[in-house]
Amino acid sequence: MPKPIVDVAIAILIHRGKILVGWRQEEQHQGGKHEFPGGKVEQGETPEDACRREIYEEVGIGLKDWHQFDYIHHEYDDIIVNLHLFNSYVPDELLNLIHQPWAWYTREQLLHLNFPKANKDIIKRLFWPHLIKISNTLKPVENSDALLYWRIEDESEQQYIEQLTALDEEQRSNLIINVDMWQQLSPELQKQIKTVHLKQSQLMNLHKGDLTVGVRYIAACHDAVSLKQAQQIGCDAVFISPVKPTTTHSEAIALGWERFSDLAQNSQIPVFALGGVHPDDLTIAQQHGAYGLAGIRNF
């Protein structure tokens, strides 16, 4: 007998970096576990319409601006679920309207909650390590709480594809590469690269709906305009730079921690401080609104 197939619309609701999470009642499918808000797609509804409706009914707030986040097909022992995921940002003025018992969790806390198995990839995408090493050399980082942004310069296409192929799948999953390089990879390699980088010039030429669904994007931002653009098109995180003077970009005017803080505090998505910072600066960076740090020489 074939398993029933259910289409479900799921919302990733974000407020200043935190994620809204609830709890499934014991009598529900996958009961007794944490969950993101959402519900079944009714006949005649689009998944996005279902998501908007469910959030109004379950959470108590109406949100208009949604981004396609991911699509997950998962087979349980008793049922097949198609998860249609969308994300949206919750403004301050709607916080008091949210129903109980929904609660906000940091991205680190998500790792320790008991979600259904189908949500495993969602959690992986939402959680960011706090350190990103930038290098033109493809060497896996030793720190487990770090990603590597491989910023290639003069490699030929064949050379960097060979280097990528030599890595194992886990190493590729901890890698960040620029979108131009990513677009030249085979579909199989593209799926294994979990995070794609956008230069500010690339970011500013994109529109909502241009990003590939299911891919995590981090964009380079140097001002409030680019930061707003990153959020509007659905990026997952940003670099804000340069925080301090650097030898690699000596012509750029450093923001300083005060100006950095002004930008970071207004961001709904994780912000990584870049430019002249050291891993030891993580605490001061977080005091100024950063999620984490990124760097070249000091890392």
C-alpha atoms as a PDB file:
ATOM      1  CA  MET A   1       0.000   0.000   0.000  1.00  0.00           C
ATOM      2  CA  PRO A   2       1.546   3.354  -1.014  1.00  0.00           C
ATOM      3  CA  LYS A   3       2.343   5.853   1.697  1.00  0.00           C
ATOM      4  CA  PRO A   4       0.241   9.024   1.867  1.00  0.00           C
ATOM      5  CA  ILE A   5       1.951  12.145   0.530  1.00  0.00           C
ATOM      6  CA  VAL A   6       1.436  15.442   2.325  1.00  0.00           C
ATOM      7  CA  ASP A   7       2.521  18.900   1.159  1.00  0.00           C
ATOM      8  CA  VAL A   8       3.413  21.170   4.052  1.00  0.00           C
ATOM      9  CA  ALA A   9       4.237  24.887   4.064  1.00  0.00           C
ATOM     10  CA  ILE A  10       6.853  25.839   6.660  1.00  0.00           C
ATOM     11  CA  ALA A  11       7.896  29.325   7.794  1.00  0.00           C
ATOM     12  CA  ILE A  12      11.327  30.342   9.011  1.00  0.00           C
ATOM     13  CA  LEU A  13      10.497  33.527  10.904  1.00  0.00           C
ATOM     14  CA  ILE A  14      13.497  35.689  11.753  1.00  0.00           C
ATOM     15  CA  HIS A  15      13.833  38.582  14.170  1.00  0.00           C
ATOM     16  CA  ARG A  16      17.295  40.094  14.602  1.00  0.00           C
ATOM     17  CA  GLY A  17      18.988  36.766  14.025  1.00  0.00           C
ATOM     18  CA  LYS A  18      16.702  34.631  16.208  1.00  0.00           C
ATOM     19  CA  ILE A  19      14.295  31.991  14.877  1.00  0.00           C
ATOM     20  CA  LEU A  20      10.704  31.331  15.973  1.00  0.00           C
ATOM     21  CA  VAL A  21      10.130  27.742  17.180  1.00  0.00           C
ATOM     22  CA  GLY A  22       7.195  25.887  18.755  1.00  0.00           C
ATOM     23  CA  TRP A  23       6.374  22.430  20.126  1.00  0.00           C
ATOM     24  CA  ARG A  24       4.309  19.655  18.532  1.00  0.00           C
ATOM     25  CA  GLN A  25       1.613  18.088  20.691  1.00  0.00           C
ATOM     26  CA  GLU A  26       2.028  14.365  21.454  1.00  0.00           C
ATOM     27  CA  GLU A  27      -1.023  13.366  19.397  1.00  0.00           C
ATOM     28  CA  GLN A  28       0.361  14.997  16.231  1.00  0.00           C
ATOM     29  CA  HIS A  29       2.565  13.277  13.645  1.00  0.00           C
ATOM     30  CA  GLN A  30       6.144  13.509  14.963  1.00  0.00           C
ATOM     31  CA  GLY A  31       4.609  14.707  18.228  1.00  0.00           C
ATOM     32  CA  GLY A  32       6.660  15.690  21.250  1.00  0.00           C
ATOM     33  CA  LYS A  33       9.219  17.527  19.132  1.00  0.00           C
ATOM     34  CA  HIS A  34      10.087  21.098  18.307  1.00  0.00           C
ATOM     35  CA  GLU A  35       8.770  22.571  15.078  1.00  0.00           C
ATOM     36  CA  PHE A  36       8.793  25.611  12.864  1.00  0.00           C
ATOM     37  CA  PRO A  37       5.356  27.170  12.295  1.00  0.00           C
ATOM     38  CA  GLY A  38       3.359  25.985   9.300  1.00  0.00           C
ATOM     39  CA  GLY A  39       0.838  23.406   8.170  1.00  0.00           C
ATOM     40  CA  LYS A  40      -0.727  21.433   5.348  1.00  0.00           C
ATOM     41  CA  VAL A  41      -1.246  23.009   1.952  1.00  0.00           C
ATOM     42  CA  GLU A  42      -4.990  22.910   1.309  1.00  0.00           C
ATOM     43  CA  GLN A  43      -6.526  22.089  -2.059  1.00  0.00           C
ATOM     44  CA  GLY A  44      -6.434  25.118  -4.350  1.00  0.00           C
ATOM     45  CA  GLU A  45      -3.702  26.863  -2.332  1.00  0.00           C
ATOM     46  CA  THR A  46      -0.185  27.624  -3.418  1.00  0.00           C
ATOM     47  CA  PRO A  47       2.468  26.706  -0.813  1.00  0.00           C
ATOM     48  CA  GLU A  48       3.211  30.404  -0.248  1.00  0.00           C
ATOM     49  CA  ASP A  49      -0.496  31.182   0.298  1.00  0.00           C
ATOM     50  CA  ALA A  50      -0.679  28.277   2.748  1.00  0.00           C
ATOM     51  CA  CYS A  51       2.373  29.578   4.590  1.00  0.00           C
ATOM     52  CA  ARG A  52       0.906  33.070   4.860  1.00  0.00           C
ATOM     53  CA  ARG A  53      -2.425  31.674   6.105  1.00  0.00           C
ATOM     54  CA  GLU A  54      -0.863  29.289   8.626  1.00  0.00           C
ATOM     55  CA  ILE A  55       1.304  32.022  10.119  1.00  0.00           C
ATOM     56  CA  TYR A  56      -1.716  34.276  10.570  1.00  0.00           C
ATOM     57  CA  GLU A  57      -3.734  31.457  12.179  1.00  0.00           C
ATOM     58  CA  GLU A  58      -1.008  29.818  14.278  1.00  0.00           C
ATOM     59  CA  VAL A  59       1.324  32.662  15.163  1.00  0.00           C
ATOM     60  CA  GLY A  60      -1.090  35.582  14.992  1.00  0.00           C
ATOM     61  CA  ILE A  61       0.746  37.915  12.634  1.00  0.00           C
ATOM     62  CA  GLY A  62       0.272  38.846   8.996  1.00  0.00           C
ATOM     63  CA  LEU A  63       3.412  39.097   6.877  1.00  0.00           C
ATOM     64  CA  LYS A  64       3.457  40.064   3.202  1.00  0.00           C
ATOM     65  CA  ASP A  65       7.083  39.747   2.162  1.00  0.00           C
ATOM     66  CA  TRP A  66       8.252  36.126   1.828  1.00  0.00           C
ATOM     67  CA  HIS A  67      11.329  34.489   0.296  1.00  0.00           C
ATOM     68  CA  GLN A  68      11.523  30.946  -0.999  1.00  0.00           C
ATOM     69  CA  PHE A  69      13.944  29.237   1.381  1.00  0.00           C
ATOM     70  CA  ASP A  70      14.098  25.558   0.433  1.00  0.00           C
ATOM     71  CA  TYR A  71      12.205  22.470  -0.680  1.00  0.00           C
ATOM     72  CA  ILE A  72      12.679  19.150   1.136  1.00  0.00           C
ATOM     73  CA  HIS A  73      11.280  15.746   0.185  1.00  0.00           C
ATOM     74  CA  HIS A  74      11.440  13.326   3.112  1.00  0.00           C
ATOM     75  CA  GLU A  75      10.103   9.806   3.546  1.00  0.00           C
ATOM     76  CA  TYR A  76       9.162   8.594   7.022  1.00  0.00           C
ATOM     77  CA  ASP A  77       8.121   5.032   7.870  1.00  0.00           C
ATOM     78  CA  ASP A  78       4.448   5.944   7.623  1.00  0.00           C
ATOM     79  CA  ILE A  79       4.233   9.034   5.398  1.00  0.00           C
ATOM     80  CA  ILE A  80       5.988  11.079   2.718  1.00  0.00           C
ATOM     81  CA  VAL A  81       6.226  14.828   3.291  1.00  0.00           C
ATOM     82  CA  ASN A  82       7.069  17.575   0.827  1.00  0.00           C
ATOM     83  CA  LEU A  83       8.224  20.602   2.806  1.00  0.00           C
ATOM     84  CA  HIS A  84       7.869  23.961   1.053  1.00  0.00           C
ATOM     85  CA  LEU A  85       9.923  26.420   3.095  1.00  0.00           C
ATOM     86  CA  PHE A  86       9.689  30.199   3.125  1.00  0.00           C
ATOM     87  CA  ASN A  87      11.354  32.796   5.295  1.00  0.00           C
ATOM     88  CA  SER A  88      10.338  36.258   6.397  1.00  0.00           C
ATOM     89  CA  TYR A  89      11.492  38.926   8.847  1.00  0.00           C
ATOM     90  CA  VAL A  90       9.319  39.921  11.800  1.00  0.00           C
ATOM     91  CA  PRO A  91       9.414  43.656  12.627  1.00  0.00           C
ATOM     92  CA  ASP A  92       9.553  44.912  16.218  1.00  0.00           C
ATOM     93  CA  GLU A  93       5.976  46.195  16.170  1.00  0.00           C
ATOM     94  CA  LEU A  94       4.509  42.701  15.651  1.00  0.00           C
ATOM     95  CA  LEU A  95       6.365  40.929  18.458  1.00  0.00           C
ATOM     96  CA  ASN A  96       3.646  41.446  21.066  1.00  0.00           C
ATOM     97  CA  LEU A  97       1.014  39.906  18.765  1.00  0.00           C
ATOM     98  CA  ILE A  98       2.714  36.497  18.587  1.00  0.00           C
ATOM     99  CA  HIS A  99       0.727  33.726  20.240  1.00  0.00           C
ATOM    100  CA  GLN A 100       2.090  31.525  23.017  1.00  0.00           C
ATOM    101  CA  PRO A 101       3.886  29.132  23.247  1.00  0.00           C
ATOM    102  CA  TRP A 102       5.980  30.177  20.228  1.00  0.00           C
ATOM    103  CA  ALA A 103       9.418  31.347  21.347  1.00  0.00           C
ATOM    104  CA  TRP A 104      12.595  32.832  19.877  1.00  0.00           C
ATOM    105  CA  TYR A 105      15.797  30.763  19.807  1.00  0.00           C
ATOM    106  CA  THR A 106      19.346  31.630  18.813  1.00  0.00           C
ATOM    107  CA  ARG A 107      20.886  29.673  15.961  1.00  0.00           C
ATOM    108  CA  GLU A 108      23.177  27.870  18.406  1.00  0.00           C
ATOM    109  CA  GLN A 109      20.177  26.784  20.492  1.00  0.00           C
ATOM    110  CA  LEU A 110      18.549  25.203  17.430  1.00  0.00           C
ATOM    111  CA  LEU A 111      21.318  22.588  17.419  1.00  0.00           C
ATOM    112  CA  HIS A 112      20.146  21.269  20.799  1.00  0.00           C
ATOM    113  CA  LEU A 113      16.387  21.153  20.142  1.00  0.00           C
ATOM    114  CA  ASN A 114      14.538  17.965  19.216  1.00  0.00           C
ATOM    115  CA  PHE A 115      13.290  18.515  15.648  1.00  0.00           C
ATOM    116  CA  PRO A 116      11.848  15.876  13.282  1.00  0.00           C
ATOM    117  CA  LYS A 117      14.436  14.264  11.004  1.00  0.00           C
ATOM    118  CA  ALA A 118      13.090  16.078   7.947  1.00  0.00           C
ATOM    119  CA  ASN A 119      14.273  19.361   9.494  1.00  0.00           C
ATOM    120  CA  LYS A 120      17.934  18.323   9.786  1.00  0.00           C
ATOM    121  CA  ASP A 121      19.042  20.193   6.651  1.00  0.00           C
ATOM    122  CA  ILE A 122      17.110  23.304   7.713  1.00  0.00           C
ATOM    123  CA  ILE A 123      19.027  23.465  10.990  1.00  0.00           C
ATOM    124  CA  LYS A 124      22.343  22.998   9.169  1.00  0.00           C
ATOM    125  CA  ARG A 125      21.582  25.950   6.932  1.00  0.00           C
ATOM    126  CA  LEU A 126      20.394  28.230   9.736  1.00  0.00           C
ATOM    127  CA  PHE A 127      23.418  27.631  11.962  1.00  0.00           C
ATOM    128  CA  TRP A 128      26.634  29.495  11.099  1.00  0.00           C
ATOM    129  CA  PRO A 129      30.022  28.869  12.711  1.00  0.00           C
ATOM    130  CA  HIS A 130      31.372  32.072  14.277  1.00  0.00           C
ATOM    131  CA  LEU A 131      34.620  32.212  12.305  1.00  0.00           C
ATOM    132  CA  ILE A 132      35.218  32.350   8.538  1.00  0.00           C
ATOM    133  CA  LYS A 133      38.754  32.053   7.204  1.00  0.00           C
ATOM    134  CA  ILE A 134      39.421  33.698   3.834  1.00  0.00           C
ATOM    135  CA  SER A 135      42.233  32.251   1.743  1.00  0.00           C
ATOM    136  CA  ASN A 136      43.315  31.755  -1.853  1.00  0.00           C
ATOM    137  CA  THR A 137      44.717  28.374  -0.790  1.00  0.00           C
ATOM    138  CA  LEU A 138      42.352  25.444  -0.561  1.00  0.00           C
ATOM    139  CA  LYS A 139      43.303  23.978   2.804  1.00  0.00           C
ATOM    140  CA  PRO A 140      40.552  22.625   5.072  1.00  0.00           C
ATOM    141  CA  VAL A 141      40.342  24.632   8.294  1.00  0.00           C
ATOM    142  CA  GLU A 142      41.345  22.803  11.462  1.00  0.00           C
ATOM    143  CA  ASN A 143      38.892  24.690  13.689  1.00  0.00           C
ATOM    144  CA  SER A 144      35.542  22.875  13.711  1.00  0.00           C
ATOM    145  CA  ASP A 145      33.805  26.193  14.434  1.00  0.00           C
ATOM    146  CA  ALA A 146      34.950  27.769  11.173  1.00  0.00           C
ATOM    147  CA  LEU A 147      34.183  27.905   7.459  1.00  0.00           C
ATOM    148  CA  LEU A 148      36.646  28.534   4.644  1.00  0.00           C
ATOM    149  CA  TYR A 149      35.929  31.123   1.966  1.00  0.00           C
ATOM    150  CA  TRP A 150      38.159  30.062  -0.922  1.00  0.00           C
ATOM    151  CA  ARG A 151      38.825  33.322  -2.758  1.00  0.00           C
ATOM    152  CA  ILE A 152      40.637  32.206  -5.889  1.00  0.00           C
ATOM    153  CA  GLU A 153      42.412  34.717  -8.102  1.00  0.00           C
ATOM    154  CA  ASP A 154      44.354  33.303 -11.047  1.00  0.00           C
ATOM    155  CA  GLU A 155      43.412  29.621 -11.075  1.00  0.00           C
ATOM    156  CA  SER A 156      42.155  28.157 -14.330  1.00  0.00           C
ATOM    157  CA  GLU A 157      38.696  26.598 -14.288  1.00  0.00           C
ATOM    158  CA  GLN A 158      40.116  23.088 -14.674  1.00  0.00           C
ATOM    159  CA  GLN A 159      42.587  23.604 -11.816  1.00  0.00           C
ATOM    160  CA  TYR A 160      40.046  24.683  -9.235  1.00  0.00           C
ATOM    161  CA  ILE A 161      37.554  22.000 -10.237  1.00  0.00           C
ATOM    162  CA  GLU A 162      40.302  19.400  -9.777  1.00  0.00           C
ATOM    163  CA  GLN A 163      41.093  20.825  -6.340  1.00  0.00           C
ATOM    164  CA  LEU A 164      37.426  20.770  -5.330  1.00  0.00           C
ATOM    165  CA  THR A 165      37.048  17.189  -6.535  1.00  0.00           C
ATOM    166  CA  ALA A 166      40.019  16.127  -4.387  1.00  0.00           C
ATOM    167  CA  LEU A 167      38.180  17.176  -1.207  1.00  0.00           C
ATOM    168  CA  ASP A 168      35.748  14.876   0.555  1.00  0.00           C
ATOM    169  CA  GLU A 169      32.061  15.773   0.777  1.00  0.00           C
ATOM    170  CA  GLU A 170      32.256  17.096   4.339  1.00  0.00           C
ATOM    171  CA  GLN A 171      35.136  19.407   3.440  1.00  0.00           C
ATOM    172  CA  ARG A 172      33.200  20.758   0.470  1.00  0.00           C
ATOM    173  CA  SER A 173      30.192  21.394   2.719  1.00  0.00           C
ATOM    174  CA  ASN A 174      32.339  23.711   4.895  1.00  0.00           C
ATOM    175  CA  LEU A 175      33.505  25.709   1.897  1.00  0.00           C
ATOM    176  CA  ILE A 176      32.354  29.087   0.571  1.00  0.00           C
ATOM    177  CA  ILE A 177      32.990  30.019  -3.074  1.00  0.00           C
ATOM    178  CA  ASN A 178      31.953  32.970  -5.200  1.00  0.00           C
ATOM    179  CA  VAL A 179      28.824  32.685  -7.299  1.00  0.00           C
ATOM    180  CA  ASP A 180      30.728  32.989 -10.611  1.00  0.00           C
ATOM    181  CA  MET A 181      32.833  29.963  -9.728  1.00  0.00           C
ATOM    182  CA  TRP A 182      29.860  28.049  -8.322  1.00  0.00           C
ATOM    183  CA  GLN A 183      27.858  28.488 -11.522  1.00  0.00           C
ATOM    184  CA  GLN A 184      30.605  26.742 -13.508  1.00  0.00           C
ATOM    185  CA  LEU A 185      30.440  23.565 -11.407  1.00  0.00           C
ATOM    186  CA  SER A 186      28.499  20.423 -12.241  1.00  0.00           C
ATOM    187  CA  PRO A 187      25.066  20.090 -10.546  1.00  0.00           C
ATOM    188  CA  GLU A 188      26.517  17.370  -8.298  1.00  0.00           C
ATOM    189  CA  LEU A 189      29.347  19.601  -7.058  1.00  0.00           C
ATOM    190  CA  GLN A 190      26.985  22.568  -6.698  1.00  0.00           C
ATOM    191  CA  LYS A 191      24.812  20.586  -4.271  1.00  0.00           C
ATOM    192  CA  GLN A 192      27.831  19.832  -2.090  1.00  0.00           C
ATOM    193  CA  ILE A 193      28.889  23.494  -1.839  1.00  0.00           C
ATOM    194  CA  LYS A 194      26.470  24.729   0.814  1.00  0.00           C
ATOM    195  CA  THR A 195      27.411  28.417   0.856  1.00  0.00           C
ATOM    196  CA  VAL A 196      27.822  30.836  -2.066  1.00  0.00           C
ATOM    197  CA  HIS A 197      29.459  34.278  -1.868  1.00  0.00           C
ATOM    198  CA  LEU A 198      28.312  37.466  -3.574  1.00  0.00           C
ATOM    199  CA  LYS A 199      30.579  40.472  -4.083  1.00  0.00           C
ATOM    200  CA  GLN A 200      28.828  43.778  -3.475  1.00  0.00           C
ATOM    201  CA  SER A 201      28.779  44.494  -7.221  1.00  0.00           C
ATOM    202  CA  GLN A 202      27.133  41.107  -7.849  1.00  0.00           C
ATOM    203  CA  LEU A 203      24.688  41.661  -4.996  1.00  0.00           C
ATOM    204  CA  MET A 204      23.494  45.019  -6.296  1.00  0.00           C
ATOM    205  CA  ASN A 205      22.656  43.566  -9.723  1.00  0.00           C
ATOM    206  CA  LEU A 206      20.267  40.951  -8.312  1.00  0.00           C
ATOM    207  CA  HIS A 207      16.540  41.088  -7.593  1.00  0.00           C
ATOM    208  CA  LYS A 208      14.189  39.163  -5.350  1.00  0.00           C
ATOM    209  CA  GLY A 209      13.682  35.718  -6.880  1.00  0.00           C
ATOM    210  CA  ASP A 210      17.120  35.595  -8.542  1.00  0.00           C
ATOM    211  CA  LEU A 211      18.773  33.466  -5.837  1.00  0.00           C
ATOM    212  CA  THR A 212      18.775  29.690  -6.254  1.00  0.00           C
ATOM    213  CA  VAL A 213      16.309  28.105  -3.819  1.00  0.00           C
ATOM    214  CA  GLY A 214      18.008  25.864  -1.255  1.00  0.00           C
ATOM    215  CA  VAL A 215      21.421  27.555  -1.477  1.00  0.00           C
ATOM    216  CA  ARG A 216      22.866  29.586   1.401  1.00  0.00           C
ATOM    217  CA  TYR A 217      24.173  33.011   0.320  1.00  0.00           C
ATOM    218  CA  ILE A 218      26.552  35.376   2.093  1.00  0.00           C
ATOM    219  CA  ALA A 219      27.078  38.823   0.578  1.00  0.00           C
ATOM    220  CA  ALA A 220      29.819  41.443   0.906  1.00  0.00           C
ATOM    221  CA  CYS A 221      28.418  44.759   2.156  1.00  0.00           C
ATOM    222  CA  HIS A 222      30.129  48.066   2.835  1.00  0.00           C
ATOM    223  CA  ASP A 223      27.176  50.343   3.583  1.00  0.00           C
ATOM    224  CA  ALA A 224      23.509  50.493   4.601  1.00  0.00           C
ATOM    225  CA  VAL A 225      22.262  50.351   0.999  1.00  0.00           C
ATOM    226  CA  SER A 226      23.970  47.051   0.225  1.00  0.00           C
ATOM    227  CA  LEU A 227      22.937  45.602   3.587  1.00  0.00           C
ATOM    228  CA  LYS A 228      19.297  46.422   2.847  1.00  0.00           C
ATOM    229  CA  GLN A 229      19.655  44.884  -0.618  1.00  0.00           C
ATOM    230  CA  ALA A 230      21.039  41.642   0.859  1.00  0.00           C
ATOM    231  CA  GLN A 231      17.995  41.281   3.085  1.00  0.00           C
ATOM    232  CA  GLN A 232      15.510  42.219   0.369  1.00  0.00           C
ATOM    233  CA  ILE A 233      16.710  39.557  -2.077  1.00  0.00           C
ATOM    234  CA  GLY A 234      16.907  36.850   0.605  1.00  0.00           C
ATOM    235  CA  CYS A 235      20.593  36.441   1.515  1.00  0.00           C
ATOM    236  CA  ASP A 236      21.337  34.339   4.606  1.00  0.00           C
ATOM    237  CA  ALA A 237      24.213  36.434   6.018  1.00  0.00           C
ATOM    238  CA  VAL A 238      26.611  39.267   5.179  1.00  0.00           C
ATOM    239  CA  PHE A 239      30.198  40.392   5.586  1.00  0.00           C
ATOM    240  CA  ILE A 240      30.456  44.037   6.670  1.00  0.00           C
ATOM    241  CA  SER A 241      33.858  45.560   5.959  1.00  0.00           C
ATOM    242  CA  PRO A 242      36.363  46.991   6.503  1.00  0.00           C
ATOM    243  CA  VAL A 243      36.070  47.335  10.258  1.00  0.00           C
ATOM    244  CA  LYS A 244      39.744  48.307  10.660  1.00  0.00           C
ATOM    245  CA  PRO A 245      42.433  49.406   8.176  1.00  0.00           C
ATOM    246  CA  THR A 246      43.892  46.505   6.188  1.00  0.00           C
ATOM    247  CA  THR A 247      46.955  46.044   4.011  1.00  0.00           C
ATOM    248  CA  THR A 248      44.961  44.187   1.337  1.00  0.00           C
ATOM    249  CA  HIS A 249      42.556  47.123   0.885  1.00  0.00           C
ATOM    250  CA  SER A 250      44.630  50.060   2.116  1.00  0.00           C
ATOM    251  CA  GLU A 251      42.573  52.522   0.043  1.00  0.00           C
ATOM    252  CA  ALA A 252      39.303  51.626   1.810  1.00  0.00           C
ATOM    253  CA  ILE A 253      38.154  53.821   4.695  1.00  0.00           C
ATOM    254  CA  ALA A 254      37.717  51.761   7.859  1.00  0.00           C
ATOM    255  CA  LEU A 255      34.270  51.820   9.454  1.00  0.00           C
ATOM    256  CA  GLY A 256      35.411  51.476  13.046  1.00  0.00           C
ATOM    257  CA  TRP A 257      33.379  49.597  15.637  1.00  0.00           C
ATOM    258  CA  GLU A 258      30.872  52.421  16.179  1.00  0.00           C
ATOM    259  CA  ARG A 259      29.842  52.673  12.518  1.00  0.00           C
ATOM    260  CA  PHE A 260      29.955  48.894  12.189  1.00  0.00           C
ATOM    261  CA  SER A 261      27.579  48.652  15.152  1.00  0.00           C
ATOM    262  CA  ASP A 262      25.127  51.089  13.522  1.00  0.00           C
ATOM    263  CA  LEU A 263      24.932  48.807  10.479  1.00  0.00           C
ATOM    264  CA  ALA A 264      24.930  45.473  12.308  1.00  0.00           C
ATOM    265  CA  GLN A 265      22.240  46.429  14.816  1.00  0.00           C
ATOM    266  CA  ASN A 266      19.814  47.056  11.945  1.00  0.00           C
ATOM    267  CA  SER A 267      20.428  43.692  10.302  1.00  0.00           C
ATOM    268  CA  GLN A 268      17.912  40.853  10.509  1.00  0.00           C
ATOM    269  CA  ILE A 269      20.495  38.334   9.273  1.00  0.00           C
ATOM    270  CA  PRO A 270      23.875  37.293  10.728  1.00  0.00           C
ATOM    271  CA  VAL A 271      26.676  39.809  10.241  1.00  0.00           C
ATOM    272  CA  PHE A 272      30.356  38.859  10.065  1.00  0.00           C
ATOM    273  CA  ALA A 273      32.881  41.593  10.837  1.00  0.00           C
ATOM    274  CA  LEU A 274      35.680  41.636   8.265  1.00  0.00           C
ATOM    275  CA  GLY A 275      38.816  43.719   7.867  1.00  0.00           C
ATOM    276  CA  GLY A 276      41.740  43.894  10.264  1.00  0.00           C
ATOM    277  CA  VAL A 277      40.058  41.725  12.902  1.00  0.00           C
ATOM    278  CA  HIS A 278      41.532  38.815  14.858  1.00  0.00           C
ATOM    279  CA  PRO A 279      39.706  35.737  16.256  1.00  0.00           C
ATOM    280  CA  ASP A 280      40.331  37.197  19.719  1.00  0.00           C
ATOM    281  CA  ASP A 281      38.060  40.107  18.724  1.00  0.00           C
ATOM    282  CA  LEU A 282      34.949  37.880  18.708  1.00  0.00           C
ATOM    283  CA  THR A 283      33.621  39.124  22.051  1.00  0.00           C
ATOM    284  CA  ILE A 284      33.995  42.807  21.199  1.00  0.00           C
ATOM    285  CA  ALA A 285      32.507  42.175  17.754  1.00  0.00           C
ATOM    286  CA  GLN A 286      29.452  40.496  19.271  1.00  0.00           C
ATOM    287  CA  GLN A 287      29.080  43.397  21.689  1.00  0.00           C
ATOM    288  CA  HIS A 288      28.736  45.578  18.577  1.00  0.00           C
ATOM    289  CA  GLY A 289      26.094  43.387  16.925  1.00  0.00           C
ATOM    290  CA  ALA A 290      28.212  40.899  14.981  1.00  0.00           C
ATOM    291  CA  TYR A 291      27.398  37.223  14.781  1.00  0.00           C
ATOM    292  CA  GLY A 292      30.970  36.293  13.954  1.00  0.00           C
ATOM    293  CA  LEU A 293      34.295  37.280  12.382  1.00  0.00           C
ATOM    294  CA  ALA A 294      36.015  36.740   9.052  1.00  0.00           C
ATOM    295  CA  GLY A 295      39.604  37.383   8.088  1.00  0.00           C
ATOM    296  CA  ILE A 296      42.670  36.523   6.074  1.00  0.00           C
ATOM    297  CA  ARG A 297      46.066  36.970   7.732  1.00  0.00           C
ATOM    298  CA  ASN A 298      44.987  36.784  11.372  1.00  0.00           C
ATOM    299  CA  PHE A 299      43.006  33.617  10.745  1.00  0.00           C
END
